Amino acid sequence: MEQITQVDQITDKITNFDWTNFSIDAGLFIIKIIIIYVVYKIIRAIGMKLIHGSFERYQRKNSVSAGRSKTLQNLVDSIFSYVLIFFLVITLLKQIGIDTTGIIAGAGIVGLAVGFGAQGLVSDIVTGFFLLLERQVDVDDYVTIGSFSGVVEQVGLRTTQIRSTDGTLIYLPNRQITTLSNHTRGNMQALVDFTVGNQLSIDQAMTVIQRECDKMAKHEENIVEGPNVLGVQSIGSSEVVLRVIARTKNGTQAEIERKLRKTIKEAIDAELNKVEREN
């Protein structure tokens, strides 16, 4: 009998429940959530557009490099997104009925606790801050960090992303960046050591090579200075190594070195053929 009575009570509650008001309240709640999300997307889109437009004007007005502008833009994008998501979560919690005052007040305490417990994260952020402040690296720079080399795709407060030559995307925690070699700051050096046999005298070989280097410098826009034949680098039993050096625009040194090797090889072969015909 008691079980029947309990079932009857539950049935009465369900029957007498105000489903109309519940449906209205649920519908209004869902509409509020949708409106909040739509407002979030609109604010995010407008904010991103303003940020990107501001950095485009900043780049044109201050003659800032595209890499530097992109680096700072990515950082501001991330900070703006994190702040916006935080306010979205707080707003949604308020709609659910949760008091967010304590959450906001406790955010500082939680942040302090995280700071003590996650020293690696703090080290990442501090190192990332100084990387950006001192302009040690920008997006699109070609760098070597430890045993990794590649083009920088993103510099953040926690990690730096590098795309290696084989396409691998490398994520490096900023605290691991103890030494950084930036290969795209200023002009670079192209250096070629070329072996010449005893068929040509040293002076004759140097004259031929320098003549071809002068021709190459006239039509190669990536060469800033030189190329010049420095002289004898080493001497073997039946060969001499001559060194050629040039200053190039950053990022083009490998290409210039390949062109120099090809040009010098063709010039030396042509001179050897000429000597053989004369003899």
Protein backbone atom coordinates (compact mmCIF):
# COMPACT_ATOMS: atom_id res chain seq x y z
CA MET A 1 0.00 0.00 0.00
CA GLU A 2 2.85 2.36 0.84
CA GLN A 3 4.41 1.74 -2.57
CA ILE A 4 1.09 2.45 -4.28
CA THR A 5 0.77 5.65 -2.26
CA GLN A 6 4.27 6.82 -3.30
CA VAL A 7 3.52 6.09 -6.97
CA ASP A 8 0.29 8.04 -6.68
CA GLN A 9 2.16 10.98 -5.15
CA ILE A 10 4.72 11.01 -7.94
CA THR A 11 1.94 10.75 -10.52
CA ASP A 12 0.11 13.65 -8.90
CA LYS A 13 3.27 15.79 -8.94
CA ILE A 14 3.85 15.08 -12.62
CA THR A 15 0.19 15.73 -13.42
CA ASN A 16 0.04 18.96 -11.43
CA PHE A 17 3.43 20.22 -12.64
CA ASP A 18 3.17 23.51 -14.53
CA TRP A 19 4.58 22.31 -17.82
CA THR A 20 3.55 25.48 -19.61
CA ASN A 21 5.67 27.76 -17.46
CA PHE A 22 8.52 25.23 -17.53
CA SER A 23 8.44 25.17 -21.33
CA ILE A 24 8.41 28.95 -21.47
CA ASP A 25 11.30 29.24 -19.01
CA ALA A 26 13.30 26.58 -20.86
CA GLY A 27 12.65 28.26 -24.19
CA LEU A 28 13.68 31.67 -22.82
CA PHE A 29 16.83 30.14 -21.34
CA ILE A 30 17.80 28.55 -24.65
CA ILE A 31 17.09 31.82 -26.48
CA LYS A 32 19.31 33.70 -23.99
CA ILE A 33 22.13 31.21 -24.50
CA ILE A 34 21.84 31.53 -28.29
CA ILE A 35 21.80 35.34 -28.06
CA ILE A 36 24.86 35.35 -25.79
CA TYR A 37 26.74 33.06 -28.19
CA VAL A 38 25.74 35.17 -31.22
CA VAL A 39 26.86 38.35 -29.42
CA TYR A 40 30.16 36.62 -28.55
CA LYS A 41 30.74 35.69 -32.21
CA ILE A 42 29.88 39.22 -33.36
CA ILE A 43 32.18 40.86 -30.80
CA ARG A 44 34.98 38.42 -31.68
CA ALA A 45 34.62 39.08 -35.42
CA ILE A 46 34.54 42.86 -34.92
CA GLY A 47 37.46 42.71 -32.48
CA MET A 48 39.59 40.60 -34.83
CA LYS A 49 38.81 42.93 -37.72
CA LEU A 50 39.79 45.98 -35.67
CA ILE A 51 43.00 44.31 -34.47
CA HIS A 52 44.04 43.28 -37.97
CA GLY A 53 43.18 46.70 -39.39
CA SER A 54 45.12 48.44 -36.62
CA PHE A 55 48.22 46.38 -37.27
CA GLU A 56 48.00 46.98 -41.02
CA ARG A 57 47.92 50.73 -40.39
CA TYR A 58 50.70 50.37 -37.82
CA GLN A 59 52.86 48.51 -40.33
CA ARG A 60 52.33 51.12 -43.06
CA LYS A 61 52.74 54.12 -40.77
CA ASN A 62 55.83 52.97 -38.90
CA SER A 63 57.50 50.98 -41.71
CA VAL A 64 57.48 47.88 -39.53
CA SER A 65 58.43 44.57 -41.14
CA ALA A 66 55.62 42.19 -42.04
CA GLY A 67 57.11 39.54 -39.75
CA ARG A 68 57.18 41.85 -36.74
CA SER A 69 53.62 43.02 -37.38
CA LYS A 70 52.38 39.44 -37.75
CA THR A 71 54.14 38.39 -34.53
CA LEU A 72 52.50 41.11 -32.44
CA GLN A 73 49.16 40.58 -34.16
CA ASN A 74 49.12 36.86 -33.28
CA LEU A 75 49.92 37.70 -29.67
CA VAL A 76 47.12 40.30 -29.39
CA ASP A 77 44.71 37.89 -31.12
CA SER A 78 45.44 35.23 -28.50
CA ILE A 79 45.05 37.60 -25.54
CA PHE A 80 41.79 39.01 -26.95
CA SER A 81 40.39 35.48 -27.53
CA TYR A 82 41.29 34.31 -24.00
CA VAL A 83 39.71 37.38 -22.36
CA LEU A 84 36.57 37.06 -24.50
CA ILE A 85 36.18 33.36 -23.67
CA PHE A 86 36.58 34.15 -19.96
CA PHE A 87 33.72 36.68 -20.07
CA LEU A 88 31.62 34.24 -22.13
CA VAL A 89 32.00 31.54 -19.48
CA ILE A 90 31.19 33.99 -16.67
CA THR A 91 28.06 35.18 -18.50
CA LEU A 92 26.87 31.61 -19.13
CA LEU A 93 27.40 30.69 -15.48
CA LYS A 94 25.31 33.69 -14.44
CA GLN A 95 22.48 32.50 -16.67
CA ILE A 96 22.61 29.08 -15.02
CA GLY A 97 22.27 30.79 -11.65
CA ILE A 98 25.80 30.35 -10.34
CA ASP A 99 27.23 33.28 -8.37
CA THR A 100 30.37 34.32 -10.27
CA THR A 101 31.57 36.88 -7.72
CA GLY A 102 33.52 34.26 -5.85
CA ILE A 103 34.93 32.87 -9.09
CA ILE A 104 36.23 36.27 -10.21
CA ALA A 105 37.63 37.01 -6.74
CA GLY A 106 39.27 33.60 -6.60
CA ALA A 107 40.84 33.95 -10.03
CA GLY A 108 43.75 35.86 -8.51
CA ILE A 109 44.30 33.23 -5.83
CA VAL A 110 44.12 30.44 -8.41
CA GLY A 111 46.56 32.32 -10.62
CA LEU A 112 48.96 32.66 -7.70
CA ALA A 113 48.67 28.96 -6.89
CA VAL A 114 49.28 28.05 -10.52
CA GLY A 115 52.30 30.35 -10.51
CA PHE A 116 53.86 28.46 -7.62
CA GLY A 117 52.88 25.03 -8.90
CA ALA A 118 53.66 25.52 -12.59
CA GLN A 119 57.06 27.16 -12.55
CA GLY A 120 57.79 25.85 -16.05
CA LEU A 121 54.75 27.69 -17.40
CA VAL A 122 55.83 30.92 -15.70
CA SER A 123 59.32 30.49 -17.14
CA ASP A 124 57.80 30.01 -20.61
CA ILE A 125 55.79 33.22 -20.29
CA VAL A 126 58.70 35.29 -18.96
CA THR A 127 61.03 34.05 -21.70
CA GLY A 128 58.38 34.61 -24.37
CA PHE A 129 57.82 38.15 -23.10
CA PHE A 130 61.51 39.02 -23.44
CA LEU A 131 61.72 37.34 -26.85
CA LEU A 132 59.03 39.75 -28.05
CA LEU A 133 60.26 42.77 -26.09
CA GLU A 134 63.85 42.48 -27.34
CA ARG A 135 62.71 41.57 -30.86
CA GLN A 136 65.00 38.56 -30.93
CA VAL A 137 62.75 36.75 -33.41
CA ASP A 138 59.77 37.53 -35.63
CA VAL A 139 57.37 35.47 -37.72
CA ASP A 140 58.94 34.35 -41.07
CA ASP A 141 62.49 34.58 -39.68
CA TYR A 142 64.79 31.64 -40.41
CA VAL A 143 66.32 30.60 -37.10
CA THR A 144 68.31 27.87 -35.38
CA ILE A 145 67.26 27.02 -31.83
CA GLY A 146 69.33 24.25 -30.30
CA SER A 147 69.28 21.39 -32.81
CA PHE A 148 66.23 22.71 -34.69
CA SER A 149 66.30 24.98 -37.74
CA GLY A 150 63.40 26.39 -39.71
CA VAL A 151 61.07 29.29 -40.40
CA VAL A 152 59.22 30.81 -37.45
CA GLU A 153 55.44 30.50 -37.87
CA GLN A 154 54.30 31.83 -34.51
CA VAL A 155 55.83 33.38 -31.41
CA GLY A 156 53.67 33.11 -28.32
CA LEU A 157 54.08 33.69 -24.62
CA ARG A 158 54.28 29.94 -23.97
CA THR A 159 55.63 28.30 -27.14
CA THR A 160 57.42 29.19 -30.35
CA GLN A 161 56.44 27.30 -33.52
CA ILE A 162 59.06 26.52 -36.18
CA ARG A 163 58.46 24.94 -39.58
CA SER A 164 61.50 22.86 -40.58
CA THR A 165 62.67 22.40 -44.16
CA ASP A 166 60.92 19.02 -44.44
CA GLY A 167 57.59 20.56 -43.39
CA THR A 168 57.56 19.40 -39.78
CA LEU A 169 55.97 21.89 -37.36
CA ILE A 170 58.05 22.03 -34.18
CA TYR A 171 56.61 23.36 -30.92
CA LEU A 172 59.34 24.65 -28.60
CA PRO A 173 58.55 25.69 -25.02
CA ASN A 174 60.07 29.13 -24.59
CA ARG A 175 62.03 28.09 -21.50
CA GLN A 176 64.07 25.72 -23.70
CA ILE A 177 65.29 28.60 -25.88
CA THR A 178 68.71 29.17 -24.31
CA THR A 179 70.54 30.04 -27.54
CA LEU A 180 68.94 31.43 -30.68
CA SER A 181 70.61 32.10 -34.05
CA ASN A 182 68.58 34.37 -36.33
CA HIS A 183 69.72 33.99 -39.94
CA THR A 184 67.50 36.74 -41.35
CA ARG A 185 68.80 39.83 -39.62
CA GLY A 186 70.90 41.88 -42.01
CA ASN A 187 72.91 40.63 -44.95
CA MET A 188 74.33 37.13 -44.96
CA GLN A 189 77.56 35.60 -46.20
CA ALA A 190 77.88 33.20 -49.11
CA LEU A 191 81.14 31.25 -49.02
CA VAL A 192 82.44 28.83 -51.64
CA ASP A 193 85.67 26.83 -51.60
CA PHE A 194 86.62 25.62 -55.08
CA THR A 195 89.30 23.07 -55.96
CA VAL A 196 91.53 23.79 -58.95
CA GLY A 197 94.03 21.30 -60.43
CA ASN A 198 97.60 21.98 -61.43
CA GLN A 199 96.63 22.50 -65.08
CA LEU A 200 96.16 26.21 -64.29
CA SER A 201 98.42 28.48 -62.28
CA ILE A 202 96.98 30.02 -59.12
CA ASP A 203 97.01 33.54 -60.58
CA GLN A 204 95.37 32.35 -63.79
CA ALA A 205 92.63 30.51 -61.92
CA MET A 206 91.97 33.49 -59.62
CA THR A 207 91.73 35.83 -62.63
CA VAL A 208 89.22 33.58 -64.40
CA ILE A 209 87.09 33.13 -61.28
CA GLN A 210 87.07 36.84 -60.42
CA ARG A 211 86.07 37.74 -63.98
CA GLU A 212 83.05 35.43 -63.79
CA CYS A 213 82.17 36.69 -60.32
CA ASP A 214 82.13 40.28 -61.59
CA LYS A 215 79.78 39.27 -64.41
CA MET A 216 77.49 37.48 -61.98
CA ALA A 217 77.33 40.49 -59.63
CA LYS A 218 75.99 42.72 -62.42
CA HIS A 219 72.79 40.72 -63.03
CA GLU A 220 72.24 39.01 -59.65
CA GLU A 221 70.09 41.32 -57.51
CA ASN A 222 70.47 39.21 -54.36
CA ILE A 223 74.21 39.92 -54.19
CA VAL A 224 74.92 42.95 -52.02
CA GLU A 225 78.72 42.88 -52.10
CA GLY A 226 81.27 40.89 -54.10
CA PRO A 227 81.72 38.08 -54.96
CA ASN A 228 85.46 38.34 -54.42
CA VAL A 229 88.24 35.77 -54.60
CA LEU A 230 89.98 35.88 -51.22
CA GLY A 231 92.87 33.68 -52.32
CA VAL A 232 94.30 30.29 -51.49
CA GLN A 233 92.52 28.47 -48.70
CA SER A 234 94.65 25.29 -48.76
CA ILE A 235 97.19 23.51 -50.95
CA GLY A 236 97.27 19.78 -51.68
CA SER A 237 99.71 17.57 -53.57
CA SER A 238 97.94 18.07 -56.92
CA GLU A 239 95.30 20.71 -56.23
CA VAL A 240 94.68 24.14 -54.77
CA VAL A 241 91.56 25.28 -52.93
CA LEU A 242 90.50 28.86 -53.63
CA ARG A 243 87.93 30.69 -51.49
CA VAL A 244 85.23 33.00 -52.87
CA ILE A 245 83.05 35.12 -50.61
CA ALA A 246 80.01 37.37 -51.16
CA ARG A 247 77.48 39.30 -49.11
CA THR A 248 73.87 38.50 -49.97
CA LYS A 249 70.36 39.43 -48.93
CA ASN A 250 69.18 37.35 -46.01
CA GLY A 251 67.76 33.99 -46.93
CA THR A 252 69.44 33.88 -50.36
CA GLN A 253 72.97 32.80 -49.36
CA ALA A 254 72.43 29.12 -50.18
CA GLU A 255 71.04 29.99 -53.62
CA ILE A 256 74.00 32.27 -54.37
CA GLU A 257 76.48 29.61 -53.25
CA ARG A 258 74.94 27.11 -55.68
CA LYS A 259 75.07 29.61 -58.53
CA LEU A 260 78.68 30.47 -57.73
CA ARG A 261 79.73 26.82 -57.82
CA LYS A 262 78.06 26.34 -61.19
CA THR A 263 79.51 29.55 -62.65
CA ILE A 264 83.04 28.85 -61.38
CA LYS A 265 82.96 25.23 -62.60
CA GLU A 266 81.88 26.25 -66.09
CA ALA A 267 84.49 29.04 -66.23
CA ILE A 268 87.36 26.78 -65.10
CA ASP A 269 86.35 24.03 -67.56
CA ALA A 270 86.20 26.58 -70.39
CA GLU A 271 89.65 27.88 -69.46
CA LEU A 272 91.09 24.35 -69.32
CA ASN A 273 89.70 23.57 -72.77
CA LYS A 274 91.24 26.76 -74.07
CA VAL A 275 94.63 25.84 -72.61
CA GLU A 276 94.46 22.35 -74.14
CA ARG A 277 93.64 23.75 -77.61
CA GLU A 278 96.56 26.19 -77.41
CA ASN A 279 98.94 23.40 -76.47
